[in-house]
Amino acid sequence: YDTLVEKGIDKERIILEEKSTNTYENFVYSKRLIESIEEGKSINNFEVAFVSSDYHILRAFAIAYKAGIHVRCISAKSPLNKLFKNYLREYLAFYPLIFNKLDVNNIEADDE
């Protein structure tokens, strides 16, 4: 948020989701927030972009797709000293996506 505002993005164009504990929840809660802007409109009536680290971008894109969101991806550079560890973690984290093991039933029904 801070970086986007520093770069000149209008604060009114940024929707910050702060409730999630993982990437899937982040997309689900973000979808609800965006759809609440204009009642009756689907998330896919809006142009949605997300920013994530370069090593996480592919998995995040796949998770967004599973959450029913068509998104544009913006990749941020990651520190080189943690790159191997982070790519390894992402490789292992693909298991739930490949075998459809995302816990979609564990998401709260509303934003309270």
PDB file of N, CA and C in Angstrom:
ATOM      1  N   TYR A   1       0.828  -1.189   0.000  1.00  0.00           N
ATOM      2  CA  TYR A   1       0.000   0.000   0.000  1.00  0.00           C
ATOM      3  C   TYR A   1       0.871   1.251   0.000  1.00  0.00           C
ATOM      4  N   ASP A   2       1.814   1.313   0.954  1.00  0.00           N
ATOM      5  CA  ASP A   2       2.673   2.494   1.068  1.00  0.00           C
ATOM      6  C   ASP A   2       3.469   2.741  -0.204  1.00  0.00           C
ATOM      7  N   THR A   3       4.031   1.686  -0.772  1.00  0.00           N
ATOM      8  CA  THR A   3       4.824   1.827  -1.988  1.00  0.00           C
ATOM      9  C   THR A   3       3.966   2.300  -3.152  1.00  0.00           C
ATOM     10  N   LEU A   4       2.767   1.742  -3.293  1.00  0.00           N
ATOM     11  CA  LEU A   4       1.880   2.164  -4.377  1.00  0.00           C
ATOM     12  C   LEU A   4       1.522   3.640  -4.246  1.00  0.00           C
ATOM     13  N   VAL A   5       1.214   4.070  -3.041  1.00  0.00           N
ATOM     14  CA  VAL A   5       0.877   5.476  -2.807  1.00  0.00           C
ATOM     15  C   VAL A   5       2.090   6.361  -3.093  1.00  0.00           C
ATOM     16  N   GLU A   6       3.281   5.924  -2.658  1.00  0.00           N
ATOM     17  CA  GLU A   6       4.511   6.667  -2.943  1.00  0.00           C
ATOM     18  C   GLU A   6       4.744   6.816  -4.439  1.00  0.00           C
ATOM     19  N   LYS A   7       4.357   5.797  -5.193  1.00  0.00           N
ATOM     20  CA  LYS A   7       4.558   5.811  -6.647  1.00  0.00           C
ATOM     21  C   LYS A   7       3.459   6.585  -7.379  1.00  0.00           C
ATOM     22  N   GLY A   8       2.506   7.141  -6.628  1.00  0.00           N
ATOM     23  CA  GLY A   8       1.500   7.999  -7.247  1.00  0.00           C
ATOM     24  C   GLY A   8       0.142   7.366  -7.491  1.00  0.00           C
ATOM     25  N   ILE A   9      -0.074   6.141  -7.023  1.00  0.00           N
ATOM     26  CA  ILE A   9      -1.383   5.509  -7.174  1.00  0.00           C
ATOM     27  C   ILE A   9      -2.345   6.157  -6.174  1.00  0.00           C
ATOM     28  N   ASP A  10      -3.498   6.554  -6.658  1.00  0.00           N
ATOM     29  CA  ASP A  10      -4.513   7.175  -5.806  1.00  0.00           C
ATOM     30  C   ASP A  10      -4.973   6.182  -4.740  1.00  0.00           C
ATOM     31  N   LYS A  11      -4.995   6.614  -3.489  1.00  0.00           N
ATOM     32  CA  LYS A  11      -5.408   5.755  -2.376  1.00  0.00           C
ATOM     33  C   LYS A  11      -6.796   5.167  -2.601  1.00  0.00           C
ATOM     34  N   GLU A  12      -7.645   5.891  -3.268  1.00  0.00           N
ATOM     35  CA  GLU A  12      -9.023   5.439  -3.513  1.00  0.00           C
ATOM     36  C   GLU A  12      -9.073   4.237  -4.449  1.00  0.00           C
ATOM     37  N   ARG A  13      -8.024   4.005  -5.212  1.00  0.00           N
ATOM     38  CA  ARG A  13      -7.986   2.879  -6.143  1.00  0.00           C
ATOM     39  C   ARG A  13      -7.451   1.608  -5.510  1.00  0.00           C
ATOM     40  N   ILE A  14      -6.973   1.699  -4.273  1.00  0.00           N
ATOM     41  CA  ILE A  14      -6.342   0.558  -3.607  1.00  0.00           C
ATOM     42  C   ILE A  14      -7.308  -0.015  -2.572  1.00  0.00           C
ATOM     43  N   ILE A  15      -7.534  -1.316  -2.661  1.00  0.00           N
ATOM     44  CA  ILE A  15      -8.353  -2.007  -1.668  1.00  0.00           C
ATOM     45  C   ILE A  15      -7.412  -2.919  -0.904  1.00  0.00           C
ATOM     46  N   LEU A  16      -7.262  -2.652   0.367  1.00  0.00           N
ATOM     47  CA  LEU A  16      -6.331  -3.394   1.196  1.00  0.00           C
ATOM     48  C   LEU A  16      -7.088  -4.408   2.049  1.00  0.00           C
ATOM     49  N   GLU A  17      -6.784  -5.672   1.853  1.00  0.00           N
ATOM     50  CA  GLU A  17      -7.410  -6.744   2.617  1.00  0.00           C
ATOM     51  C   GLU A  17      -6.456  -7.117   3.749  1.00  0.00           C
ATOM     52  N   GLU A  18      -6.924  -7.067   4.993  1.00  0.00           N
ATOM     53  CA  GLU A  18      -6.033  -7.280   6.127  1.00  0.00           C
ATOM     54  C   GLU A  18      -6.455  -8.422   7.048  1.00  0.00           C
ATOM     55  N   LYS A  19      -7.388  -9.247   6.618  1.00  0.00           N
ATOM     56  CA  LYS A  19      -7.956 -10.284   7.482  1.00  0.00           C
ATOM     57  C   LYS A  19      -7.343 -11.671   7.252  1.00  0.00           C
ATOM     58  N   SER A  20      -6.805 -11.911   6.093  1.00  0.00           N
ATOM     59  CA  SER A  20      -6.382 -13.257   5.698  1.00  0.00           C
ATOM     60  C   SER A  20      -5.122 -13.729   6.411  1.00  0.00           C
ATOM     61  N   THR A  21      -4.983 -15.053   6.433  1.00  0.00           N
ATOM     62  CA  THR A  21      -3.785 -15.667   7.004  1.00  0.00           C
ATOM     63  C   THR A  21      -3.008 -16.471   5.961  1.00  0.00           C
ATOM     64  N   ASN A  22      -3.556 -16.577   4.744  1.00  0.00           N
ATOM     65  CA  ASN A  22      -2.850 -17.259   3.659  1.00  0.00           C
ATOM     66  C   ASN A  22      -3.324 -16.679   2.323  1.00  0.00           C
ATOM     67  N   THR A  23      -2.701 -17.100   1.247  1.00  0.00           N
ATOM     68  CA  THR A  23      -2.976 -16.532  -0.069  1.00  0.00           C
ATOM     69  C   THR A  23      -4.404 -16.805  -0.518  1.00  0.00           C
ATOM     70  N   TYR A  24      -4.898 -18.014  -0.292  1.00  0.00           N
ATOM     71  CA  TYR A  24      -6.261 -18.327  -0.719  1.00  0.00           C
ATOM     72  C   TYR A  24      -7.274 -17.438   0.005  1.00  0.00           C
ATOM     73  N   GLU A  25      -7.126 -17.310   1.324  1.00  0.00           N
ATOM     74  CA  GLU A  25      -8.029 -16.435   2.075  1.00  0.00           C
ATOM     75  C   GLU A  25      -7.924 -15.006   1.575  1.00  0.00           C
ATOM     76  N   ASN A  26      -6.705 -14.583   1.266  1.00  0.00           N
ATOM     77  CA  ASN A  26      -6.514 -13.227   0.768  1.00  0.00           C
ATOM     78  C   ASN A  26      -7.339 -12.976  -0.485  1.00  0.00           C
ATOM     79  N   PHE A  27      -7.344 -13.914  -1.406  1.00  0.00           N
ATOM     80  CA  PHE A  27      -8.133 -13.734  -2.627  1.00  0.00           C
ATOM     81  C   PHE A  27      -9.631 -13.812  -2.358  1.00  0.00           C
ATOM     82  N   VAL A  28     -10.053 -14.724  -1.512  1.00  0.00           N
ATOM     83  CA  VAL A  28     -11.483 -14.849  -1.193  1.00  0.00           C
ATOM     84  C   VAL A  28     -11.993 -13.581  -0.515  1.00  0.00           C
ATOM     85  N   TYR A  29     -11.263 -13.102   0.496  1.00  0.00           N
ATOM     86  CA  TYR A  29     -11.689 -11.893   1.207  1.00  0.00           C
ATOM     87  C   TYR A  29     -11.604 -10.666   0.300  1.00  0.00           C
ATOM     88  N   SER A  30     -10.592 -10.610  -0.543  1.00  0.00           N
ATOM     89  CA  SER A  30     -10.466  -9.496  -1.485  1.00  0.00           C
ATOM     90  C   SER A  30     -11.624  -9.491  -2.476  1.00  0.00           C
ATOM     91  N   LYS A  31     -11.990 -10.678  -2.923  1.00  0.00           N
ATOM     92  CA  LYS A  31     -13.120 -10.795  -3.844  1.00  0.00           C
ATOM     93  C   LYS A  31     -14.384 -10.227  -3.206  1.00  0.00           C
ATOM     94  N   ARG A  32     -14.620 -10.576  -1.950  1.00  0.00           N
ATOM     95  CA  ARG A  32     -15.800 -10.057  -1.241  1.00  0.00           C
ATOM     96  C   ARG A  32     -15.743  -8.538  -1.095  1.00  0.00           C
ATOM     97  N   LEU A  33     -14.568  -8.027  -0.766  1.00  0.00           N
ATOM     98  CA  LEU A  33     -14.420  -6.578  -0.624  1.00  0.00           C
ATOM     99  C   LEU A  33     -14.707  -5.862  -1.934  1.00  0.00           C
ATOM    100  N   ILE A  34     -14.139  -6.358  -3.008  1.00  0.00           N
ATOM    101  CA  ILE A  34     -14.311  -5.726  -4.318  1.00  0.00           C
ATOM    102  C   ILE A  34     -15.766  -5.804  -4.764  1.00  0.00           C
ATOM    103  N   GLU A  35     -16.382  -6.958  -4.584  1.00  0.00           N
ATOM    104  CA  GLU A  35     -17.784  -7.099  -4.989  1.00  0.00           C
ATOM    105  C   GLU A  35     -18.716  -6.253  -4.140  1.00  0.00           C
ATOM    106  N   SER A  36     -18.290  -5.890  -2.928  1.00  0.00           N
ATOM    107  CA  SER A  36     -19.135  -5.046  -2.077  1.00  0.00           C
ATOM    108  C   SER A  36     -19.132  -3.582  -2.531  1.00  0.00           C
ATOM    109  N   ILE A  37     -18.209  -3.232  -3.403  1.00  0.00           N
ATOM    110  CA  ILE A  37     -18.132  -1.855  -3.897  1.00  0.00           C
ATOM    111  C   ILE A  37     -19.404  -1.502  -4.667  1.00  0.00           C
ATOM    112  N   GLU A  38     -19.806  -2.386  -5.558  1.00  0.00           N
ATOM    113  CA  GLU A  38     -21.026  -2.177  -6.329  1.00  0.00           C
ATOM    114  C   GLU A  38     -21.858  -3.450  -6.265  1.00  0.00           C
ATOM    115  N   GLU A  39     -22.933  -3.371  -5.520  1.00  0.00           N
ATOM    116  CA  GLU A  39     -23.785  -4.543  -5.326  1.00  0.00           C
ATOM    117  C   GLU A  39     -24.279  -5.083  -6.662  1.00  0.00           C
ATOM    118  N   GLY A  40     -24.253  -6.385  -6.779  1.00  0.00           N
ATOM    119  CA  GLY A  40     -24.740  -7.036  -7.995  1.00  0.00           C
ATOM    120  C   GLY A  40     -23.676  -7.236  -9.057  1.00  0.00           C
ATOM    121  N   LYS A  41     -22.495  -6.654  -8.872  1.00  0.00           N
ATOM    122  CA  LYS A  41     -21.430  -6.825  -9.858  1.00  0.00           C
ATOM    123  C   LYS A  41     -20.477  -7.923  -9.414  1.00  0.00           C
ATOM    124  N   SER A  42     -20.072  -8.732 -10.367  1.00  0.00           N
ATOM    125  CA  SER A  42     -19.099  -9.791 -10.125  1.00  0.00           C
ATOM    126  C   SER A  42     -17.700  -9.191 -10.073  1.00  0.00           C
ATOM    127  N   ILE A  43     -16.816  -9.878  -9.409  1.00  0.00           N
ATOM    128  CA  ILE A  43     -15.418  -9.457  -9.352  1.00  0.00           C
ATOM    129  C   ILE A  43     -14.845  -9.277 -10.741  1.00  0.00           C
ATOM    130  N   ASN A  44     -15.327 -10.070 -11.681  1.00  0.00           N
ATOM    131  CA  ASN A  44     -14.762 -10.030 -13.023  1.00  0.00           C
ATOM    132  C   ASN A  44     -15.299  -8.884 -13.864  1.00  0.00           C
ATOM    133  N   ASN A  45     -16.137  -8.012 -13.269  1.00  0.00           N
ATOM    134  CA  ASN A  45     -16.524  -6.757 -13.899  1.00  0.00           C
ATOM    135  C   ASN A  45     -15.496  -5.668 -13.608  1.00  0.00           C
ATOM    136  N   PHE A  46     -14.516  -5.983 -12.778  1.00  0.00           N
ATOM    137  CA  PHE A  46     -13.490  -5.035 -12.384  1.00  0.00           C
ATOM    138  C   PHE A  46     -12.141  -5.492 -12.920  1.00  0.00           C
ATOM    139  N   GLU A  47     -11.237  -4.544 -13.130  1.00  0.00           N
ATOM    140  CA  GLU A  47      -9.864  -4.903 -13.478  1.00  0.00           C
ATOM    141  C   GLU A  47      -9.104  -5.051 -12.160  1.00  0.00           C
ATOM    142  N   VAL A  48      -8.622  -6.253 -11.900  1.00  0.00           N
ATOM    143  CA  VAL A  48      -7.968  -6.556 -10.633  1.00  0.00           C
ATOM    144  C   VAL A  48      -6.515  -6.943 -10.895  1.00  0.00           C
ATOM    145  N   ALA A  49      -5.628  -6.359 -10.107  1.00  0.00           N
ATOM    146  CA  ALA A  49      -4.212  -6.716 -10.177  1.00  0.00           C
ATOM    147  C   ALA A  49      -3.726  -7.005  -8.766  1.00  0.00           C
ATOM    148  N   PHE A  50      -2.751  -7.871  -8.658  1.00  0.00           N
ATOM    149  CA  PHE A  50      -2.125  -8.107  -7.362  1.00  0.00           C
ATOM    150  C   PHE A  50      -0.621  -8.075  -7.529  1.00  0.00           C
ATOM    151  N   VAL A  51       0.041  -7.720  -6.452  1.00  0.00           N
ATOM    152  CA  VAL A  51       1.499  -7.663  -6.424  1.00  0.00           C
ATOM    153  C   VAL A  51       1.979  -8.753  -5.477  1.00  0.00           C
ATOM    154  N   SER A  52       2.951  -9.522  -5.938  1.00  0.00           N
ATOM    155  CA  SER A  52       3.530 -10.554  -5.086  1.00  0.00           C
ATOM    156  C   SER A  52       4.999 -10.720  -5.452  1.00  0.00           C
ATOM    157  N   SER A  53       5.714 -11.409  -4.603  1.00  0.00           N
ATOM    158  CA  SER A  53       7.136 -11.647  -4.865  1.00  0.00           C
ATOM    159  C   SER A  53       7.309 -12.513  -6.100  1.00  0.00           C
ATOM    160  N   ASP A  54       8.458 -12.361  -6.744  1.00  0.00           N
ATOM    161  CA  ASP A  54       8.703 -13.090  -7.991  1.00  0.00           C
ATOM    162  C   ASP A  54       8.604 -14.598  -7.828  1.00  0.00           C
ATOM    163  N   TYR A  55       9.028 -15.127  -6.703  1.00  0.00           N
ATOM    164  CA  TYR A  55       8.971 -16.577  -6.498  1.00  0.00           C
ATOM    165  C   TYR A  55       7.554 -17.078  -6.209  1.00  0.00           C
ATOM    166  N   HIS A  56       6.664 -16.196  -5.763  1.00  0.00           N
ATOM    167  CA  HIS A  56       5.305 -16.579  -5.356  1.00  0.00           C
ATOM    168  C   HIS A  56       4.255 -16.313  -6.440  1.00  0.00           C
ATOM    169  N   ILE A  57       4.623 -15.595  -7.477  1.00  0.00           N
ATOM    170  CA  ILE A  57       3.653 -15.088  -8.446  1.00  0.00           C
ATOM    171  C   ILE A  57       2.885 -16.203  -9.170  1.00  0.00           C
ATOM    172  N   LEU A  58       3.553 -17.252  -9.555  1.00  0.00           N
ATOM    173  CA  LEU A  58       2.877 -18.336 -10.288  1.00  0.00           C
ATOM    174  C   LEU A  58       1.839 -19.033  -9.420  1.00  0.00           C
ATOM    175  N   ARG A  59       2.227 -19.380  -8.205  1.00  0.00           N
ATOM    176  CA  ARG A  59       1.275 -20.057  -7.311  1.00  0.00           C
ATOM    177  C   ARG A  59       0.128 -19.123  -6.933  1.00  0.00           C
ATOM    178  N   ALA A  60       0.436 -17.859  -6.692  1.00  0.00           N
ATOM    179  CA  ALA A  60      -0.615 -16.893  -6.353  1.00  0.00           C
ATOM    180  C   ALA A  60      -1.601 -16.736  -7.502  1.00  0.00           C
ATOM    181  N   PHE A  61      -1.096 -16.719  -8.733  1.00  0.00           N
ATOM    182  CA  PHE A  61      -1.978 -16.637  -9.897  1.00  0.00           C
ATOM    183  C   PHE A  61      -2.899 -17.854  -9.953  1.00  0.00           C
ATOM    184  N   ALA A  62      -2.359 -19.041  -9.719  1.00  0.00           N
ATOM    185  CA  ALA A  62      -3.165 -20.275  -9.732  1.00  0.00           C
ATOM    186  C   ALA A  62      -4.207 -20.253  -8.613  1.00  0.00           C
ATOM    187  N   ILE A  63      -3.837 -19.734  -7.462  1.00  0.00           N
ATOM    188  CA  ILE A  63      -4.780 -19.654  -6.341  1.00  0.00           C
ATOM    189  C   ILE A  63      -5.887 -18.655  -6.649  1.00  0.00           C
ATOM    190  N   ALA A  64      -5.545 -17.534  -7.252  1.00  0.00           N
ATOM    191  CA  ALA A  64      -6.561 -16.546  -7.649  1.00  0.00           C
ATOM    192  C   ALA A  64      -7.563 -17.181  -8.606  1.00  0.00           C
ATOM    193  N   TYR A  65      -7.060 -17.956  -9.541  1.00  0.00           N
ATOM    194  CA  TYR A  65      -7.927 -18.647 -10.496  1.00  0.00           C
ATOM    195  C   TYR A  65      -8.880 -19.595  -9.765  1.00  0.00           C
ATOM    196  N   LYS A  66      -8.364 -20.351  -8.792  1.00  0.00           N
ATOM    197  CA  LYS A  66      -9.215 -21.262  -8.018  1.00  0.00           C
ATOM    198  C   LYS A  66     -10.238 -20.511  -7.178  1.00  0.00           C
ATOM    199  N   ALA A  67      -9.908 -19.276  -6.796  1.00  0.00           N
ATOM    200  CA  ALA A  67     -10.847 -18.447  -6.028  1.00  0.00           C
ATOM    201  C   ALA A  67     -11.858 -17.759  -6.934  1.00  0.00           C
ATOM    202  N   GLY A  68     -11.724 -17.946  -8.236  1.00  0.00           N
ATOM    203  CA  GLY A  68     -12.679 -17.383  -9.185  1.00  0.00           C
ATOM    204  C   GLY A  68     -12.396 -15.952  -9.589  1.00  0.00           C
ATOM    205  N   ILE A  69     -11.131 -15.561  -9.559  1.00  0.00           N
ATOM    206  CA  ILE A  69     -10.761 -14.192  -9.888  1.00  0.00           C
ATOM    207  C   ILE A  69      -9.813 -14.190 -11.087  1.00  0.00           C
ATOM    208  N   HIS A  70     -10.146 -13.377 -12.090  1.00  0.00           N
ATOM    209  CA  HIS A  70      -9.245 -13.158 -13.222  1.00  0.00           C
ATOM    210  C   HIS A  70      -8.402 -11.946 -12.872  1.00  0.00           C
ATOM    211  N   VAL A  71      -7.094 -12.114 -12.806  1.00  0.00           N
ATOM    212  CA  VAL A  71      -6.221 -11.058 -12.306  1.00  0.00           C
ATOM    213  C   VAL A  71      -5.059 -10.770 -13.253  1.00  0.00           C
ATOM    214  N   ARG A  72      -4.497  -9.616 -13.041  1.00  0.00           N
ATOM    215  CA  ARG A  72      -3.207  -9.268 -13.637  1.00  0.00           C
ATOM    216  C   ARG A  72      -2.180  -9.423 -12.528  1.00  0.00           C
ATOM    217  N   CYS A  73      -1.027  -9.954 -12.875  1.00  0.00           N
ATOM    218  CA  CYS A  73       0.015 -10.209 -11.878  1.00  0.00           C
ATOM    219  C   CYS A  73       1.144  -9.199 -12.037  1.00  0.00           C
ATOM    220  N   ILE A  74       1.593  -8.675 -10.916  1.00  0.00           N
ATOM    221  CA  ILE A  74       2.737  -7.772 -10.915  1.00  0.00           C
ATOM    222  C   ILE A  74       3.777  -8.388  -9.981  1.00  0.00           C
ATOM    223  N   SER A  75       4.911  -8.724 -10.550  1.00  0.00           N
ATOM    224  CA  SER A  75       5.950  -9.420  -9.805  1.00  0.00           C
ATOM    225  C   SER A  75       6.938  -8.432  -9.201  1.00  0.00           C
ATOM    226  N   ALA A  76       7.204  -8.608  -7.915  1.00  0.00           N
ATOM    227  CA  ALA A  76       8.201  -7.787  -7.218  1.00  0.00           C
ATOM    228  C   ALA A  76       9.465  -8.608  -7.028  1.00  0.00           C
ATOM    229  N   LYS A  77      10.595  -7.963  -7.132  1.00  0.00           N
ATOM    230  CA  LYS A  77      11.872  -8.662  -6.950  1.00  0.00           C
ATOM    231  C   LYS A  77      12.061  -9.084  -5.499  1.00  0.00           C
ATOM    232  N   SER A  78      12.710 -10.226  -5.344  1.00  0.00           N
ATOM    233  CA  SER A  78      12.997 -10.767  -4.014  1.00  0.00           C
ATOM    234  C   SER A  78      14.484 -10.682  -3.730  1.00  0.00           C
ATOM    235  N   PRO A  79      14.853 -10.623  -2.452  1.00  0.00           N
ATOM    236  CA  PRO A  79      16.280 -10.616  -2.113  1.00  0.00           C
ATOM    237  C   PRO A  79      16.959 -11.897  -2.587  1.00  0.00           C
ATOM    238  N   LEU A  80      18.107 -11.768  -3.191  1.00  0.00           N
ATOM    239  CA  LEU A  80      18.825 -12.928  -3.735  1.00  0.00           C
ATOM    240  C   LEU A  80      19.269 -13.905  -2.662  1.00  0.00           C
ATOM    241  N   ASN A  81      19.554 -13.413  -1.461  1.00  0.00           N
ATOM    242  CA  ASN A  81      20.060 -14.301  -0.415  1.00  0.00           C
ATOM    243  C   ASN A  81      19.015 -15.302   0.081  1.00  0.00           C
ATOM    244  N   LYS A  82      17.735 -15.091  -0.212  1.00  0.00           N
ATOM    245  CA  LYS A  82      16.690 -16.023   0.228  1.00  0.00           C
ATOM    246  C   LYS A  82      16.004 -16.721  -0.951  1.00  0.00           C
ATOM    247  N   LEU A  83      16.531 -16.515  -2.134  1.00  0.00           N
ATOM    248  CA  LEU A  83      15.854 -17.004  -3.331  1.00  0.00           C
ATOM    249  C   LEU A  83      15.701 -18.523  -3.358  1.00  0.00           C
ATOM    250  N   PHE A  84      16.776 -19.280  -3.088  1.00  0.00           N
ATOM    251  CA  PHE A  84      16.698 -20.743  -3.140  1.00  0.00           C
ATOM    252  C   PHE A  84      15.655 -21.259  -2.156  1.00  0.00           C
ATOM    253  N   LYS A  85      15.711 -20.778  -0.929  1.00  0.00           N
ATOM    254  CA  LYS A  85      14.765 -21.210   0.109  1.00  0.00           C
ATOM    255  C   LYS A  85      13.324 -20.897  -0.309  1.00  0.00           C
ATOM    256  N   ASN A  86      13.108 -19.723  -0.840  1.00  0.00           N
ATOM    257  CA  ASN A  86      11.752 -19.320  -1.222  1.00  0.00           C
ATOM    258  C   ASN A  86      11.221 -20.115  -2.412  1.00  0.00           C
ATOM    259  N   TYR A  87      12.064 -20.344  -3.422  1.00  0.00           N
ATOM    260  CA  TYR A  87      11.619 -21.150  -4.564  1.00  0.00           C
ATOM    261  C   TYR A  87      11.354 -22.593  -4.140  1.00  0.00           C
ATOM    262  N   LEU A  88      12.160 -23.127  -3.255  1.00  0.00           N
ATOM    263  CA  LEU A  88      11.937 -24.483  -2.748  1.00  0.00           C
ATOM    264  C   LEU A  88      10.596 -24.558  -2.012  1.00  0.00           C
ATOM    265  N   ARG A  89      10.328 -23.574  -1.173  1.00  0.00           N
ATOM    266  CA  ARG A  89       9.059 -23.531  -0.442  1.00  0.00           C
ATOM    267  C   ARG A  89       7.878 -23.475  -1.416  1.00  0.00           C
ATOM    268  N   GLU A  90       7.986 -22.665  -2.448  1.00  0.00           N
ATOM    269  CA  GLU A  90       6.911 -22.562  -3.430  1.00  0.00           C
ATOM    270  C   GLU A  90       6.712 -23.871  -4.186  1.00  0.00           C
ATOM    271  N   TYR A  91       7.809 -24.527  -4.521  1.00  0.00           N
ATOM    272  CA  TYR A  91       7.728 -25.812  -5.203  1.00  0.00           C
ATOM    273  C   TYR A  91       6.945 -26.812  -4.355  1.00  0.00           C
ATOM    274  N   LEU A  92       7.269 -26.871  -3.079  1.00  0.00           N
ATOM    275  CA  LEU A  92       6.582 -27.802  -2.175  1.00  0.00           C
ATOM    276  C   LEU A  92       5.133 -27.386  -1.924  1.00  0.00           C
ATOM    277  N   ALA A  93       4.866 -26.109  -1.971  1.00  0.00           N
ATOM    278  CA  ALA A  93       3.514 -25.612  -1.711  1.00  0.00           C
ATOM    279  C   ALA A  93       2.573 -25.850  -2.883  1.00  0.00           C
ATOM    280  N   PHE A  94       3.104 -26.256  -4.030  1.00  0.00           N
ATOM    281  CA  PHE A  94       2.227 -26.553  -5.164  1.00  0.00           C
ATOM    282  C   PHE A  94       1.417 -27.832  -4.943  1.00  0.00           C
ATOM    283  N   TYR A  95       1.827 -28.683  -4.012  1.00  0.00           N
ATOM    284  CA  TYR A  95       1.111 -29.931  -3.742  1.00  0.00           C
ATOM    285  C   TYR A  95      -0.388 -29.714  -3.545  1.00  0.00           C
ATOM    286  N   PRO A  96      -0.797 -28.784  -2.672  1.00  0.00           N
ATOM    287  CA  PRO A  96      -2.241 -28.593  -2.482  1.00  0.00           C
ATOM    288  C   PRO A  96      -2.961 -28.163  -3.761  1.00  0.00           C
ATOM    289  N   LEU A  97      -2.299 -27.402  -4.600  1.00  0.00           N
ATOM    290  CA  LEU A  97      -2.929 -26.981  -5.851  1.00  0.00           C
ATOM    291  C   LEU A  97      -3.070 -28.141  -6.829  1.00  0.00           C
ATOM    292  N   ILE A  98      -2.009 -28.908  -6.961  1.00  0.00           N
ATOM    293  CA  ILE A  98      -2.010 -30.017  -7.914  1.00  0.00           C
ATOM    294  C   ILE A  98      -3.052 -31.062  -7.543  1.00  0.00           C
ATOM    295  N   PHE A  99      -3.165 -31.355  -6.272  1.00  0.00           N
ATOM    296  CA  PHE A  99      -4.080 -32.394  -5.823  1.00  0.00           C
ATOM    297  C   PHE A  99      -5.369 -31.842  -5.219  1.00  0.00           C
ATOM    298  N   ASN A 100      -5.643 -30.574  -5.530  1.00  0.00           N
ATOM    299  CA  ASN A 100      -6.895 -29.932  -5.124  1.00  0.00           C
ATOM    300  C   ASN A 100      -7.137 -30.051  -3.618  1.00  0.00           C
ATOM    301  N   LYS A 101      -6.132 -29.727  -2.842  1.00  0.00           N
ATOM    302  CA  LYS A 101      -6.218 -29.867  -1.390  1.00  0.00           C
ATOM    303  C   LYS A 101      -6.389 -28.526  -0.662  1.00  0.00           C
ATOM    304  N   LEU A 102      -6.780 -27.479  -1.373  1.00  0.00           N
ATOM    305  CA  LEU A 102      -7.027 -26.211  -0.693  1.00  0.00           C
ATOM    306  C   LEU A 102      -8.220 -26.365   0.227  1.00  0.00           C
ATOM    307  N   ASP A 103      -8.117 -25.859   1.428  1.00  0.00           N
ATOM    308  CA  ASP A 103      -9.203 -25.972   2.398  1.00  0.00           C
ATOM    309  C   ASP A 103     -10.200 -24.838   2.179  1.00  0.00           C
ATOM    310  N   VAL A 104     -11.056 -24.989   1.187  1.00  0.00           N
ATOM    311  CA  VAL A 104     -12.002 -23.932   0.829  1.00  0.00           C
ATOM    312  C   VAL A 104     -13.173 -23.846   1.793  1.00  0.00           C
ATOM    313  N   ASN A 105     -13.382 -24.844   2.608  1.00  0.00           N
ATOM    314  CA  ASN A 105     -14.504 -24.824   3.544  1.00  0.00           C
ATOM    315  C   ASN A 105     -14.172 -24.126   4.855  1.00  0.00           C
ATOM    316  N   ASN A 106     -12.928 -23.749   5.019  1.00  0.00           N
ATOM    317  CA  ASN A 106     -12.503 -23.162   6.275  1.00  0.00           C
ATOM    318  C   ASN A 106     -12.476 -21.633   6.227  1.00  0.00           C
ATOM    319  N   ILE A 107     -13.141 -21.046   5.245  1.00  0.00           N
ATOM    320  CA  ILE A 107     -13.174 -19.593   5.092  1.00  0.00           C
ATOM    321  C   ILE A 107     -14.438 -19.071   5.757  1.00  0.00           C
ATOM    322  N   GLU A 108     -14.304 -17.989   6.496  1.00  0.00           N
ATOM    323  CA  GLU A 108     -15.464 -17.406   7.164  1.00  0.00           C
ATOM    324  C   GLU A 108     -16.521 -16.984   6.140  1.00  0.00           C
ATOM    325  N   ALA A 109     -17.767 -17.098   6.517  1.00  0.00           N
ATOM    326  CA  ALA A 109     -18.867 -16.794   5.603  1.00  0.00           C
ATOM    327  C   ALA A 109     -19.050 -15.294   5.383  1.00  0.00           C
ATOM    328  N   ASP A 110     -18.652 -14.479   6.349  1.00  0.00           N
ATOM    329  CA  ASP A 110     -18.802 -13.038   6.161  1.00  0.00           C
ATOM    330  C   ASP A 110     -17.571 -12.317   6.684  1.00  0.00           C
ATOM    331  N   ASP A 111     -17.571 -11.010   6.583  1.00  0.00           N
ATOM    332  CA  ASP A 111     -16.396 -10.218   6.932  1.00  0.00           C
ATOM    333  C   ASP A 111     -16.416  -9.714   8.363  1.00  0.00           C
ATOM    334  N   GLU A 112     -17.197 -10.281   9.226  1.00  0.00           N
ATOM    335  CA  GLU A 112     -17.262  -9.840  10.610  1.00  0.00           C
ATOM    336  C   GLU A 112     -16.115 -10.406  11.412  1.00  0.00           C
TER     337      GLU A 112
END
